[in-house]
Amino acid sequence: MDGTVRSNVKIGALVHIVLKKDQRTGELTEGIVKRILTSAPKHHRGIKVMLDDEQVGRVQEILEED
């Protein structure tokens, strides 16, 4: 599912994000959404979230909704 639309991203969802440090390589990090940080309804690079392990990045892919 599309990670650039805020309404698609739910707290508790399993997602792939790209961390700021990994933007050049595109390496993805998997985790569970703890907080949604982007307030805009859409963001072309992905909605910014905080994972349950406190890592922050932009959603690239939504794997599973809770």
Protein backbone atom coordinates (compact mmCIF):
# COMPACT_ATOMS: atom_id res chain seq x y z
CA MET A 1 0.00 0.00 0.00
CA ASP A 2 1.08 3.57 -0.67
CA GLY A 3 3.12 5.15 2.14
CA THR A 4 2.77 8.69 0.74
CA VAL A 5 -0.87 9.06 1.88
CA ARG A 6 -1.36 9.73 5.60
CA SER A 7 -4.76 8.01 5.78
CA ASN A 8 -3.13 4.72 4.68
CA VAL A 9 -0.65 4.77 7.59
CA LYS A 10 -2.08 3.47 10.87
CA ILE A 11 -0.58 3.19 14.34
CA GLY A 12 0.34 -0.46 14.90
CA ALA A 13 0.91 -1.15 11.19
CA LEU A 14 3.98 -3.10 10.03
CA VAL A 15 5.91 -0.91 7.59
CA HIS A 16 9.20 -0.45 5.75
CA ILE A 17 10.74 2.97 6.30
CA VAL A 18 13.86 4.67 5.02
CA LEU A 19 15.89 6.34 7.77
CA LYS A 20 17.52 9.74 7.15
CA LYS A 21 20.99 8.12 7.20
CA ASP A 22 19.87 5.53 4.61
CA GLN A 23 18.28 7.92 2.09
CA ARG A 24 21.25 7.69 -0.31
CA THR A 25 21.35 3.88 -0.30
CA GLY A 26 17.59 3.34 -0.01
CA GLU A 27 18.10 0.67 2.67
CA LEU A 28 14.77 -0.12 4.34
CA THR A 29 14.05 -0.70 8.02
CA GLU A 30 11.06 -2.78 9.12
CA GLY A 31 9.02 -1.92 12.19
CA ILE A 32 5.71 -1.16 13.84
CA VAL A 33 4.33 2.41 13.69
CA LYS A 34 4.20 4.02 17.15
CA ARG A 35 3.49 7.66 16.09
CA ILE A 36 2.64 9.46 12.85
CA LEU A 37 4.75 12.63 12.63
CA THR A 38 3.60 14.13 9.31
CA SER A 39 0.47 16.26 9.66
CA ALA A 40 -0.08 16.85 5.91
CA PRO A 41 -2.52 14.46 4.15
CA LYS A 42 0.17 13.51 1.57
CA HIS A 43 3.95 13.71 1.26
CA HIS A 44 5.75 12.80 -1.95
CA ARG A 45 8.70 11.15 -0.15
CA GLY A 46 6.56 9.24 2.36
CA ILE A 47 4.77 9.94 5.61
CA LYS A 48 7.23 10.45 8.48
CA VAL A 49 6.65 8.06 11.40
CA MET A 50 8.29 6.90 14.61
CA LEU A 51 8.60 3.15 15.04
CA ASP A 52 8.08 1.34 18.35
CA ASP A 53 11.89 1.23 18.78
CA GLU A 54 12.02 5.08 18.48
CA GLN A 55 13.57 5.13 14.97
CA VAL A 56 12.20 7.88 12.71
CA GLY A 57 11.86 7.68 8.95
CA ARG A 58 9.56 7.94 5.95
CA VAL A 59 7.16 5.11 5.04
CA GLN A 60 8.07 3.43 1.76
CA GLU A 61 5.74 0.46 2.02
CA ILE A 62 2.91 -0.70 4.27
CA LEU A 63 3.23 -4.45 4.81
CA GLU A 64 0.41 -5.22 7.27
CA GLU A 65 -2.22 -3.22 9.08
CA ASP A 66 -2.95 -3.99 12.70
